Amino acid sequence: MGRPWHYACLYAPSAFLYFSSAFAFSLYLLVNIYERRCGILSTYGLKYSRAFANMYNVGISKEQMIAATSKVCPEKKHFS
């Protein structure tokens, strides 16, 4: 589900200049959690993919992301 992690790099390239495979996977995981709960990000929404990179950089865990998206998006808004 969702798009490959590198799709977000097109919209916020400066956030992804230097990244490891662990960073790439973690970023993909956070975006995927959001998209599963809240729906697929639009092209405009992907411009804010830097926010997901920032969440990773401050140590947001998978469990914290699930809890946050459950509060923000109680139901999936878009069908995929």
C-alpha atoms as a PDB file:
ATOM      1  CA  MET A   1       0.000   0.000   0.000  1.00  0.00           C
ATOM      2  CA  GLY A   2       1.156   3.518  -0.579  1.00  0.00           C
ATOM      3  CA  ARG A   3       4.042   4.672  -2.688  1.00  0.00           C
ATOM      4  CA  PRO A   4       7.735   3.884  -2.565  1.00  0.00           C
ATOM      5  CA  TRP A   5       9.612   5.981   0.014  1.00  0.00           C
ATOM      6  CA  HIS A   6      11.683   7.716  -2.657  1.00  0.00           C
ATOM      7  CA  TYR A   7       8.529   9.282  -4.131  1.00  0.00           C
ATOM      8  CA  ALA A   8       8.580  11.750  -1.225  1.00  0.00           C
ATOM      9  CA  CYS A   9      12.142  12.760  -2.123  1.00  0.00           C
ATOM     10  CA  LEU A  10      10.814  14.499  -5.217  1.00  0.00           C
ATOM     11  CA  TYR A  11       8.881  16.944  -3.058  1.00  0.00           C
ATOM     12  CA  ALA A  12      11.317  17.620  -0.216  1.00  0.00           C
ATOM     13  CA  PRO A  13      14.752  16.796  -1.629  1.00  0.00           C
ATOM     14  CA  SER A  14      16.728  18.829   0.902  1.00  0.00           C
ATOM     15  CA  ALA A  15      15.352  16.653   3.701  1.00  0.00           C
ATOM     16  CA  PHE A  16      16.825  13.589   2.023  1.00  0.00           C
ATOM     17  CA  LEU A  17      20.263  14.701   0.848  1.00  0.00           C
ATOM     18  CA  TYR A  18      22.094  12.262   3.087  1.00  0.00           C
ATOM     19  CA  PHE A  19      20.199   9.290   4.368  1.00  0.00           C
ATOM     20  CA  SER A  20      20.886   5.716   5.320  1.00  0.00           C
ATOM     21  CA  SER A  21      18.819   2.698   4.417  1.00  0.00           C
ATOM     22  CA  ALA A  22      17.588   2.666   8.034  1.00  0.00           C
ATOM     23  CA  PHE A  23      16.378   6.251   7.634  1.00  0.00           C
ATOM     24  CA  ALA A  24      14.713   5.434   4.319  1.00  0.00           C
ATOM     25  CA  PHE A  25      12.926   2.423   5.772  1.00  0.00           C
ATOM     26  CA  SER A  26      11.830   4.333   8.873  1.00  0.00           C
ATOM     27  CA  LEU A  27      10.545   7.216   6.778  1.00  0.00           C
ATOM     28  CA  TYR A  28       8.648   4.774   4.570  1.00  0.00           C
ATOM     29  CA  LEU A  29       7.202   3.137   7.693  1.00  0.00           C
ATOM     30  CA  LEU A  30       5.936   6.440   9.149  1.00  0.00           C
ATOM     31  CA  VAL A  31       4.378   7.522   5.843  1.00  0.00           C
ATOM     32  CA  ASN A  32       2.830   4.086   5.375  1.00  0.00           C
ATOM     33  CA  ILE A  33       1.280   4.161   8.864  1.00  0.00           C
ATOM     34  CA  TYR A  34      -0.202   7.581   8.129  1.00  0.00           C
ATOM     35  CA  GLU A  35      -1.527   6.553   4.711  1.00  0.00           C
ATOM     36  CA  ARG A  36      -3.093   3.330   6.009  1.00  0.00           C
ATOM     37  CA  ARG A  37      -5.050   5.239   8.630  1.00  0.00           C
ATOM     38  CA  CYS A  38      -5.689   8.604   6.983  1.00  0.00           C
ATOM     39  CA  GLY A  39      -5.568   7.834   3.261  1.00  0.00           C
ATOM     40  CA  ILE A  40      -3.043   8.328   0.497  1.00  0.00           C
ATOM     41  CA  LEU A  41      -1.192  11.637   0.548  1.00  0.00           C
ATOM     42  CA  SER A  42      -1.908  13.832  -2.438  1.00  0.00           C
ATOM     43  CA  THR A  43       0.872  15.361  -4.483  1.00  0.00           C
ATOM     44  CA  TYR A  44       0.371  18.534  -2.440  1.00  0.00           C
ATOM     45  CA  GLY A  45       0.509  16.537   0.789  1.00  0.00           C
ATOM     46  CA  LEU A  46       3.815  14.983  -0.221  1.00  0.00           C
ATOM     47  CA  LYS A  47       5.341  18.451  -0.182  1.00  0.00           C
ATOM     48  CA  TYR A  48       5.172  18.125   3.596  1.00  0.00           C
ATOM     49  CA  SER A  49       7.048  14.831   3.683  1.00  0.00           C
ATOM     50  CA  ARG A  50       9.812  16.705   5.491  1.00  0.00           C
ATOM     51  CA  ALA A  51       7.539  16.565   8.551  1.00  0.00           C
ATOM     52  CA  PHE A  52       7.812  12.765   8.485  1.00  0.00           C
ATOM     53  CA  ALA A  53      11.608  13.056   8.244  1.00  0.00           C
ATOM     54  CA  ASN A  54      11.571  15.422  11.232  1.00  0.00           C
ATOM     55  CA  MET A  55       9.426  12.970  13.206  1.00  0.00           C
ATOM     56  CA  TYR A  56      11.974  10.249  12.531  1.00  0.00           C
ATOM     57  CA  ASN A  57      14.853  12.542  13.527  1.00  0.00           C
ATOM     58  CA  VAL A  58      13.309  13.322  16.922  1.00  0.00           C
ATOM     59  CA  GLY A  59      12.672   9.646  17.608  1.00  0.00           C
ATOM     60  CA  ILE A  60       8.951   9.166  16.999  1.00  0.00           C
ATOM     61  CA  SER A  61       8.320   5.431  17.251  1.00  0.00           C
ATOM     62  CA  LYS A  62       5.987   3.269  15.215  1.00  0.00           C
ATOM     63  CA  GLU A  63       3.685   2.977  18.228  1.00  0.00           C
ATOM     64  CA  GLN A  64       3.575   6.759  18.737  1.00  0.00           C
ATOM     65  CA  MET A  65       2.744   7.274  15.059  1.00  0.00           C
ATOM     66  CA  ILE A  66      -0.071   4.727  15.240  1.00  0.00           C
ATOM     67  CA  ALA A  67      -1.491   6.416  18.354  1.00  0.00           C
ATOM     68  CA  ALA A  68      -1.293   9.888  16.794  1.00  0.00           C
ATOM     69  CA  THR A  69      -2.913   8.872  13.516  1.00  0.00           C
ATOM     70  CA  SER A  70      -5.658   7.047  15.415  1.00  0.00           C
ATOM     71  CA  LYS A  71      -6.532  10.312  17.159  1.00  0.00           C
ATOM     72  CA  VAL A  72      -6.326  12.464  14.040  1.00  0.00           C
ATOM     73  CA  CYS A  73      -7.938  10.050  11.579  1.00  0.00           C
ATOM     74  CA  PRO A  74     -10.445   7.822  13.370  1.00  0.00           C
ATOM     75  CA  GLU A  75     -11.680   6.535   9.998  1.00  0.00           C
ATOM     76  CA  LYS A  76      -9.968   6.165   6.672  1.00  0.00           C
ATOM     77  CA  LYS A  77     -11.073   9.076   4.510  1.00  0.00           C
ATOM     78  CA  HIS A  78      -9.906   7.800   1.111  1.00  0.00           C
ATOM     79  CA  PHE A  79     -10.275   4.467  -0.559  1.00  0.00           C
ATOM     80  CA  SER A  80      -7.271   2.884  -2.211  1.00  0.00           C
END
